[in-house]
């Protein structure tokens, strides 16, 4: 199980950079569409979808880690004590909560992109949900952990 956990943790660690980079590129493109065309371009919808798929992969890895991580397994045995330890609380409560919110906001933005709405309103809603998602993503990332993990 340790090797499975190590592989999973490494994948989750590396995938976060793909998610962050694709997310920032997509956010930049949506901003460009807003100020250049005041509408969402078809190519931008593809970027939204790619960012969502990468977010889904990362979310799946994260949920799996939640059940296989020795940190969360140990913390779940005594939640009251674990909540008093900053690092444990981060991994059993704060990180999952922020990432779930990130995932929801990301999906809402993609659903809005598919809906038939007036373009200026649509693009503003997408930007709003993307900014909320960015705040959750940046606030929920474990910046105090190694930035790159190897198997």
N, C-alpha and C. Protein backbone atom coordinates (compact mmCIF):
# COMPACT_ATOMS: atom_id res chain seq x y z
N UNK A 1 0.82 -1.19 0.00
CA UNK A 1 0.00 0.00 0.00
C UNK A 1 0.87 1.27 0.00
N UNK A 2 2.03 1.19 0.60
CA UNK A 2 2.90 2.36 0.67
C UNK A 2 3.32 2.80 -0.73
N UNK A 3 3.66 1.85 -1.60
CA UNK A 3 4.06 2.24 -2.95
C UNK A 3 2.87 2.83 -3.72
N UNK A 4 1.68 2.27 -3.53
CA UNK A 4 0.48 2.82 -4.17
C UNK A 4 0.25 4.25 -3.68
N UNK A 5 0.40 4.46 -2.39
CA UNK A 5 0.22 5.78 -1.81
C UNK A 5 1.27 6.75 -2.36
N UNK A 6 2.51 6.32 -2.45
CA UNK A 6 3.58 7.19 -2.97
C UNK A 6 3.33 7.59 -4.42
N UNK A 7 2.91 6.63 -5.21
CA UNK A 7 2.62 6.91 -6.62
C UNK A 7 1.44 7.88 -6.72
N UNK A 8 0.40 7.61 -5.96
CA UNK A 8 -0.78 8.46 -5.96
C UNK A 8 -0.44 9.89 -5.52
N UNK A 9 0.36 10.01 -4.47
CA UNK A 9 0.75 11.32 -3.96
C UNK A 9 1.60 12.08 -4.98
N UNK A 10 2.50 11.36 -5.64
CA UNK A 10 3.34 12.00 -6.67
C UNK A 10 2.47 12.47 -7.85
N UNK A 11 1.56 11.63 -8.29
CA UNK A 11 0.66 12.02 -9.38
C UNK A 11 -0.17 13.24 -9.00
N UNK A 12 -0.69 13.23 -7.79
CA UNK A 12 -1.50 14.34 -7.30
C UNK A 12 -0.65 15.62 -7.23
N UNK A 13 0.58 15.48 -6.81
CA UNK A 13 1.49 16.62 -6.71
C UNK A 13 1.81 17.22 -8.08
N UNK A 14 2.10 16.37 -9.05
CA UNK A 14 2.45 16.85 -10.38
C UNK A 14 1.23 17.36 -11.13
N UNK A 15 0.11 16.71 -10.95
CA UNK A 15 -1.11 17.12 -11.66
C UNK A 15 -1.57 18.50 -11.21
N UNK A 16 -1.27 18.86 -9.97
CA UNK A 16 -1.70 20.19 -9.51
C UNK A 16 -1.12 21.30 -10.37
N UNK A 17 0.10 21.08 -10.88
CA UNK A 17 0.72 22.10 -11.73
C UNK A 17 0.03 22.17 -13.09
N UNK A 18 -0.36 21.00 -13.61
CA UNK A 18 -1.12 20.99 -14.87
C UNK A 18 -2.45 21.72 -14.70
N UNK A 19 -3.11 21.46 -13.58
CA UNK A 19 -4.39 22.12 -13.29
C UNK A 19 -4.19 23.63 -13.16
N UNK A 20 -3.20 24.03 -12.39
CA UNK A 20 -2.96 25.46 -12.17
C UNK A 20 -2.59 26.17 -13.47
N UNK A 21 -1.71 25.58 -14.25
CA UNK A 21 -1.29 26.20 -15.51
C UNK A 21 -2.45 26.27 -16.50
N UNK A 22 -3.18 25.17 -16.67
CA UNK A 22 -4.32 25.19 -17.60
C UNK A 22 -5.39 26.17 -17.13
N UNK A 23 -5.58 26.23 -15.84
CA UNK A 23 -6.57 27.14 -15.27
C UNK A 23 -6.19 28.60 -15.54
N UNK A 24 -4.93 28.94 -15.29
CA UNK A 24 -4.48 30.33 -15.50
C UNK A 24 -4.50 30.70 -16.99
N UNK A 25 -4.11 29.78 -17.86
CA UNK A 25 -4.17 30.04 -19.30
C UNK A 25 -5.63 30.29 -19.72
N UNK A 26 -6.53 29.44 -19.24
CA UNK A 26 -7.94 29.60 -19.59
C UNK A 26 -8.50 30.91 -19.05
N UNK A 27 -8.13 31.26 -17.83
CA UNK A 27 -8.58 32.52 -17.25
C UNK A 27 -8.10 33.70 -18.09
N UNK A 28 -6.85 33.65 -18.52
CA UNK A 28 -6.30 34.71 -19.37
C UNK A 28 -7.08 34.79 -20.69
N UNK A 29 -7.39 33.64 -21.29
CA UNK A 29 -8.11 33.62 -22.57
C UNK A 29 -9.53 34.15 -22.40
N UNK A 30 -10.18 33.81 -21.30
CA UNK A 30 -11.54 34.33 -21.06
C UNK A 30 -11.50 35.85 -20.89
N UNK A 31 -10.49 36.35 -20.16
CA UNK A 31 -10.33 37.81 -20.03
C UNK A 31 -10.10 38.44 -21.41
N UNK A 32 -9.28 37.82 -22.22
CA UNK A 32 -9.00 38.33 -23.56
C UNK A 32 -10.30 38.39 -24.39
N UNK A 33 -11.08 37.32 -24.32
CA UNK A 33 -12.36 37.29 -25.03
C UNK A 33 -13.27 38.42 -24.57
N UNK A 34 -13.28 38.65 -23.27
CA UNK A 34 -14.17 39.69 -22.72
C UNK A 34 -13.78 41.06 -23.26
N UNK A 35 -12.50 41.38 -23.23
CA UNK A 35 -12.09 42.73 -23.61
C UNK A 35 -11.88 42.90 -25.11
N UNK A 36 -11.62 41.80 -25.82
CA UNK A 36 -11.41 41.92 -27.25
C UNK A 36 -12.70 41.73 -28.06
N UNK A 37 -13.51 40.75 -27.65
CA UNK A 37 -14.71 40.43 -28.43
C UNK A 37 -16.01 40.65 -27.67
N UNK A 38 -15.94 40.77 -26.34
CA UNK A 38 -17.10 40.85 -25.46
C UNK A 38 -18.02 39.64 -25.64
N UNK A 39 -17.43 38.52 -26.05
CA UNK A 39 -18.17 37.27 -26.16
C UNK A 39 -17.19 36.11 -26.03
N UNK A 40 -17.74 34.96 -25.74
CA UNK A 40 -16.93 33.76 -25.55
C UNK A 40 -16.71 33.09 -26.91
N UNK A 41 -15.46 32.90 -27.27
CA UNK A 41 -15.12 32.26 -28.54
C UNK A 41 -15.22 30.74 -28.40
N UNK A 42 -15.44 30.06 -29.51
CA UNK A 42 -15.55 28.59 -29.49
C UNK A 42 -14.27 27.94 -28.98
N UNK A 43 -13.13 28.49 -29.37
CA UNK A 43 -11.85 27.92 -28.93
C UNK A 43 -11.71 28.03 -27.40
N UNK A 44 -12.27 29.07 -26.83
CA UNK A 44 -12.20 29.25 -25.37
C UNK A 44 -12.99 28.17 -24.66
N UNK A 45 -14.10 27.76 -25.25
CA UNK A 45 -14.91 26.69 -24.65
C UNK A 45 -14.10 25.40 -24.56
N UNK A 46 -13.22 25.17 -25.53
CA UNK A 46 -12.36 23.98 -25.49
C UNK A 46 -11.36 24.08 -24.35
N UNK A 47 -10.81 25.28 -24.15
CA UNK A 47 -9.88 25.47 -23.03
C UNK A 47 -10.60 25.27 -21.69
N UNK A 48 -11.84 25.76 -21.60
CA UNK A 48 -12.63 25.56 -20.39
C UNK A 48 -12.82 24.06 -20.12
N UNK A 49 -13.09 23.32 -21.17
CA UNK A 49 -13.30 21.87 -21.04
C UNK A 49 -12.02 21.15 -20.62
N UNK A 50 -10.89 21.53 -21.22
CA UNK A 50 -9.60 20.91 -20.87
C UNK A 50 -9.27 21.17 -19.40
N UNK A 51 -9.45 22.42 -18.97
CA UNK A 51 -9.18 22.75 -17.57
C UNK A 51 -10.10 21.96 -16.64
N UNK A 52 -11.36 21.78 -17.06
CA UNK A 52 -12.30 21.01 -16.25
C UNK A 52 -11.89 19.54 -16.17
N UNK A 53 -11.47 18.96 -17.29
CA UNK A 53 -11.05 17.55 -17.30
C UNK A 53 -9.83 17.35 -16.40
N UNK A 54 -8.86 18.26 -16.51
CA UNK A 54 -7.68 18.16 -15.63
C UNK A 54 -8.10 18.33 -14.16
N UNK A 55 -9.04 19.23 -13.91
CA UNK A 55 -9.56 19.40 -12.55
C UNK A 55 -10.26 18.14 -12.05
N UNK A 56 -10.98 17.47 -12.94
CA UNK A 56 -11.65 16.21 -12.57
C UNK A 56 -10.65 15.12 -12.24
N UNK A 57 -9.59 15.03 -13.02
CA UNK A 57 -8.54 14.03 -12.75
C UNK A 57 -7.90 14.31 -11.39
N UNK A 58 -7.58 15.58 -11.16
CA UNK A 58 -6.96 15.96 -9.88
C UNK A 58 -7.91 15.70 -8.71
N UNK A 59 -9.17 15.99 -8.91
CA UNK A 59 -10.18 15.76 -7.87
C UNK A 59 -10.28 14.27 -7.53
N UNK A 60 -10.28 13.44 -8.57
CA UNK A 60 -10.36 11.99 -8.37
C UNK A 60 -9.12 11.48 -7.62
N UNK A 61 -7.96 11.97 -8.01
CA UNK A 61 -6.73 11.58 -7.29
C UNK A 61 -6.80 12.03 -5.83
N UNK A 62 -7.29 13.24 -5.62
CA UNK A 62 -7.38 13.78 -4.26
C UNK A 62 -8.36 13.01 -3.38
N UNK A 63 -9.51 12.67 -3.92
CA UNK A 63 -10.49 11.90 -3.15
C UNK A 63 -9.92 10.51 -2.81
N UNK A 64 -9.24 9.91 -3.77
CA UNK A 64 -8.61 8.61 -3.52
C UNK A 64 -7.55 8.74 -2.43
N UNK A 65 -6.76 9.80 -2.49
CA UNK A 65 -5.74 10.02 -1.45
C UNK A 65 -6.37 10.20 -0.07
N UNK A 66 -7.52 10.81 -0.04
CA UNK A 66 -8.21 11.02 1.23
C UNK A 66 -8.45 9.70 1.96
N UNK A 67 -8.68 8.63 1.20
CA UNK A 67 -8.96 7.34 1.81
C UNK A 67 -7.72 6.47 2.00
N UNK A 68 -6.61 6.80 1.32
CA UNK A 68 -5.40 5.99 1.42
C UNK A 68 -4.27 6.66 2.18
N UNK A 69 -4.38 7.94 2.45
CA UNK A 69 -3.31 8.66 3.11
C UNK A 69 -3.17 8.27 4.57
N UNK A 70 -1.96 7.93 5.00
CA UNK A 70 -1.76 7.63 6.42
C UNK A 70 -2.09 8.84 7.31
N UNK A 71 -1.95 10.04 6.76
CA UNK A 71 -2.26 11.25 7.53
C UNK A 71 -3.75 11.29 7.84
N UNK A 72 -4.59 11.12 6.83
CA UNK A 72 -6.03 11.21 7.06
C UNK A 72 -6.57 9.99 7.80
N UNK A 73 -5.95 8.84 7.58
CA UNK A 73 -6.39 7.63 8.31
C UNK A 73 -6.12 7.81 9.80
N UNK A 74 -4.91 8.29 10.14
CA UNK A 74 -4.57 8.51 11.55
C UNK A 74 -5.44 9.61 12.16
N UNK A 75 -5.66 10.67 11.41
CA UNK A 75 -6.45 11.79 11.92
C UNK A 75 -7.90 11.40 12.16
N UNK A 76 -8.42 10.51 11.33
CA UNK A 76 -9.83 10.13 11.47
C UNK A 76 -10.09 9.30 12.73
N UNK A 77 -9.05 8.75 13.32
CA UNK A 77 -9.22 7.98 14.55
C UNK A 77 -9.54 8.88 15.74
N UNK A 78 -9.08 10.11 15.71
CA UNK A 78 -9.39 11.06 16.78
C UNK A 78 -9.50 12.45 16.16
N UNK A 79 -10.66 12.73 15.58
CA UNK A 79 -10.87 13.99 14.86
C UNK A 79 -10.74 15.22 15.76
N UNK A 80 -11.19 15.10 16.98
CA UNK A 80 -11.13 16.24 17.89
C UNK A 80 -9.68 16.67 18.12
N UNK A 81 -8.82 15.72 18.36
CA UNK A 81 -7.40 16.03 18.57
C UNK A 81 -6.75 16.48 17.26
N UNK A 82 -7.14 15.85 16.15
CA UNK A 82 -6.54 16.19 14.86
C UNK A 82 -6.87 17.62 14.46
N UNK A 83 -8.05 18.09 14.80
CA UNK A 83 -8.44 19.45 14.43
C UNK A 83 -7.63 20.51 15.17
N UNK A 84 -6.97 20.13 16.24
CA UNK A 84 -6.14 21.07 17.00
C UNK A 84 -4.73 21.20 16.42
N UNK A 85 -4.36 20.27 15.53
CA UNK A 85 -3.04 20.29 14.92
C UNK A 85 -3.18 20.91 13.52
N UNK A 86 -2.48 22.02 13.31
CA UNK A 86 -2.65 22.82 12.10
C UNK A 86 -2.49 21.99 10.81
N UNK A 87 -1.41 21.22 10.68
CA UNK A 87 -1.17 20.45 9.45
C UNK A 87 -2.22 19.37 9.24
N UNK A 88 -2.62 18.70 10.31
CA UNK A 88 -3.66 17.67 10.18
C UNK A 88 -4.99 18.28 9.78
N UNK A 89 -5.34 19.39 10.42
CA UNK A 89 -6.59 20.08 10.10
C UNK A 89 -6.61 20.50 8.64
N UNK A 90 -5.47 20.94 8.15
CA UNK A 90 -5.39 21.36 6.75
C UNK A 90 -5.75 20.20 5.83
N UNK A 91 -5.18 19.01 6.08
CA UNK A 91 -5.38 17.89 5.16
C UNK A 91 -6.70 17.14 5.35
N UNK A 92 -7.31 17.26 6.53
CA UNK A 92 -8.58 16.55 6.70
C UNK A 92 -9.80 17.46 6.56
N UNK A 93 -9.59 18.78 6.59
CA UNK A 93 -10.75 19.68 6.51
C UNK A 93 -10.55 20.80 5.48
N UNK A 94 -9.53 21.62 5.68
CA UNK A 94 -9.38 22.82 4.86
C UNK A 94 -9.08 22.51 3.39
N UNK A 95 -8.12 21.65 3.14
CA UNK A 95 -7.75 21.31 1.77
C UNK A 95 -8.91 20.64 1.02
N UNK A 96 -9.52 19.59 1.58
CA UNK A 96 -10.64 18.98 0.84
C UNK A 96 -11.80 19.96 0.61
N UNK A 97 -12.13 20.77 1.61
CA UNK A 97 -13.23 21.72 1.47
C UNK A 97 -12.95 22.73 0.36
N UNK A 98 -11.74 23.32 0.36
CA UNK A 98 -11.42 24.30 -0.69
C UNK A 98 -11.38 23.68 -2.07
N UNK A 99 -10.89 22.44 -2.15
CA UNK A 99 -10.81 21.79 -3.46
C UNK A 99 -12.19 21.37 -3.98
N UNK A 100 -13.07 21.01 -3.08
CA UNK A 100 -14.45 20.70 -3.49
C UNK A 100 -15.11 21.97 -4.03
N UNK A 101 -14.91 23.08 -3.34
CA UNK A 101 -15.45 24.36 -3.83
C UNK A 101 -14.83 24.73 -5.17
N UNK A 102 -13.52 24.54 -5.32
CA UNK A 102 -12.85 24.80 -6.59
C UNK A 102 -13.50 23.99 -7.70
N UNK A 103 -13.68 22.71 -7.44
CA UNK A 103 -14.26 21.79 -8.43
C UNK A 103 -15.68 22.22 -8.81
N UNK A 104 -16.47 22.61 -7.83
CA UNK A 104 -17.85 23.06 -8.09
C UNK A 104 -17.84 24.33 -8.94
N UNK A 105 -17.04 25.33 -8.54
CA UNK A 105 -17.00 26.59 -9.30
C UNK A 105 -16.51 26.37 -10.73
N UNK A 106 -15.55 25.49 -10.90
CA UNK A 106 -15.03 25.16 -12.23
C UNK A 106 -16.13 24.56 -13.10
N UNK A 107 -16.88 23.63 -12.53
CA UNK A 107 -17.97 23.00 -13.29
C UNK A 107 -19.10 23.98 -13.59
N UNK A 108 -19.40 24.85 -12.65
CA UNK A 108 -20.45 25.85 -12.89
C UNK A 108 -20.05 26.75 -14.06
N UNK A 109 -18.78 27.14 -14.11
CA UNK A 109 -18.30 27.99 -15.22
C UNK A 109 -18.46 27.29 -16.57
N UNK A 110 -18.16 26.00 -16.61
CA UNK A 110 -18.29 25.25 -17.87
C UNK A 110 -19.77 25.10 -18.26
N UNK A 111 -20.64 24.86 -17.29
CA UNK A 111 -22.07 24.77 -17.57
C UNK A 111 -22.59 26.09 -18.10
N UNK A 112 -22.16 27.20 -17.50
CA UNK A 112 -22.59 28.53 -17.97
C UNK A 112 -22.13 28.75 -19.41
N UNK A 113 -20.92 28.29 -19.73
CA UNK A 113 -20.40 28.45 -21.10
C UNK A 113 -21.27 27.72 -22.11
N UNK A 114 -21.89 26.63 -21.70
CA UNK A 114 -22.73 25.84 -22.60
C UNK A 114 -24.13 26.43 -22.75
N UNK A 115 -24.57 27.18 -21.75
CA UNK A 115 -25.94 27.72 -21.76
C UNK A 115 -26.09 28.83 -22.80
N UNK A 116 -27.32 28.95 -23.25
CA UNK A 116 -27.65 29.99 -24.22
C UNK A 116 -28.08 31.24 -23.46
N UNK A 117 -27.12 32.12 -23.23
CA UNK A 117 -27.36 33.38 -22.51
C UNK A 117 -26.79 34.52 -23.34
N UNK A 118 -27.21 35.74 -23.03
CA UNK A 118 -26.57 36.88 -23.69
C UNK A 118 -25.06 36.88 -23.37
N UNK A 119 -24.24 37.09 -24.37
CA UNK A 119 -22.78 36.96 -24.23
C UNK A 119 -22.15 37.80 -23.12
N UNK A 120 -22.45 39.10 -23.02
CA UNK A 120 -21.76 39.86 -21.95
C UNK A 120 -22.05 39.29 -20.56
N UNK A 121 -23.29 38.88 -20.33
CA UNK A 121 -23.64 38.32 -19.02
C UNK A 121 -22.95 36.97 -18.82
N UNK A 122 -22.93 36.16 -19.87
CA UNK A 122 -22.31 34.84 -19.79
C UNK A 122 -20.83 34.94 -19.43
N UNK A 123 -20.12 35.80 -20.15
CA UNK A 123 -18.68 35.90 -19.92
C UNK A 123 -18.38 36.47 -18.54
N UNK A 124 -19.22 37.39 -18.06
CA UNK A 124 -19.03 37.94 -16.70
C UNK A 124 -19.26 36.87 -15.64
N UNK A 125 -20.27 36.03 -15.83
CA UNK A 125 -20.53 34.94 -14.89
C UNK A 125 -19.38 33.94 -14.88
N UNK A 126 -18.89 33.60 -16.06
CA UNK A 126 -17.75 32.67 -16.14
C UNK A 126 -16.55 33.25 -15.41
N UNK A 127 -16.25 34.51 -15.66
CA UNK A 127 -15.12 35.15 -14.98
C UNK A 127 -15.32 35.17 -13.47
N UNK A 128 -16.53 35.46 -13.03
CA UNK A 128 -16.82 35.47 -11.59
C UNK A 128 -16.58 34.12 -10.95
N UNK A 129 -17.08 33.06 -11.57
CA UNK A 129 -16.87 31.73 -11.01
C UNK A 129 -15.42 31.28 -11.14
N UNK A 130 -14.74 31.72 -12.19
CA UNK A 130 -13.32 31.37 -12.33
C UNK A 130 -12.48 32.07 -11.27
N UNK A 131 -12.80 33.31 -10.94
CA UNK A 131 -12.06 34.01 -9.89
C UNK A 131 -12.31 33.35 -8.54
N UNK A 132 -13.57 32.98 -8.27
CA UNK A 132 -13.86 32.24 -7.02
C UNK A 132 -13.09 30.92 -6.97
N UNK A 133 -13.06 30.22 -8.10
CA UNK A 133 -12.34 28.96 -8.18
C UNK A 133 -10.85 29.18 -7.95
N UNK A 134 -10.30 30.25 -8.52
CA UNK A 134 -8.88 30.56 -8.34
C UNK A 134 -8.56 30.82 -6.87
N UNK A 135 -9.42 31.56 -6.20
CA UNK A 135 -9.21 31.82 -4.76
C UNK A 135 -9.21 30.51 -3.96
N UNK A 136 -10.13 29.62 -4.27
CA UNK A 136 -10.19 28.32 -3.58
C UNK A 136 -8.96 27.48 -3.91
N UNK A 137 -8.55 27.49 -5.16
CA UNK A 137 -7.39 26.70 -5.58
C UNK A 137 -6.12 27.19 -4.89
N UNK A 138 -5.90 28.49 -4.93
CA UNK A 138 -4.67 29.03 -4.34
C UNK A 138 -4.69 28.92 -2.81
N UNK A 139 -5.85 29.13 -2.21
CA UNK A 139 -5.95 29.02 -0.76
C UNK A 139 -5.88 27.60 -0.26
N UNK A 140 -6.27 26.65 -1.09
CA UNK A 140 -6.29 25.25 -0.66
C UNK A 140 -5.06 24.44 -1.02
N UNK A 141 -4.15 25.04 -1.78
CA UNK A 141 -2.93 24.31 -2.15
C UNK A 141 -1.98 24.23 -0.96
N UNK A 142 -1.37 23.08 -0.77
CA UNK A 142 -0.42 22.95 0.35
C UNK A 142 0.95 23.52 -0.02
N UNK A 143 1.07 24.83 0.03
CA UNK A 143 2.31 25.50 -0.36
C UNK A 143 3.47 25.17 0.57
N UNK A 144 3.17 24.70 1.77
CA UNK A 144 4.21 24.38 2.75
C UNK A 144 4.79 22.99 2.52
N UNK A 145 4.24 22.23 1.61
CA UNK A 145 4.74 20.89 1.27
C UNK A 145 5.69 20.98 0.09
N UNK A 146 6.43 19.90 -0.19
CA UNK A 146 7.33 19.94 -1.37
C UNK A 146 6.55 20.28 -2.64
N UNK A 147 7.13 21.16 -3.44
CA UNK A 147 6.44 21.58 -4.66
C UNK A 147 6.43 20.49 -5.73
N UNK A 148 7.42 19.62 -5.68
CA UNK A 148 7.50 18.48 -6.61
C UNK A 148 7.82 17.23 -5.83
N UNK A 149 7.07 16.20 -6.09
CA UNK A 149 7.32 14.90 -5.45
C UNK A 149 7.74 13.90 -6.51
N UNK A 150 8.59 13.02 -6.11
CA UNK A 150 9.01 11.95 -7.01
C UNK A 150 8.63 10.62 -6.39
N UNK A 151 8.36 9.65 -7.26
CA UNK A 151 7.94 8.33 -6.82
C UNK A 151 8.96 7.80 -5.89
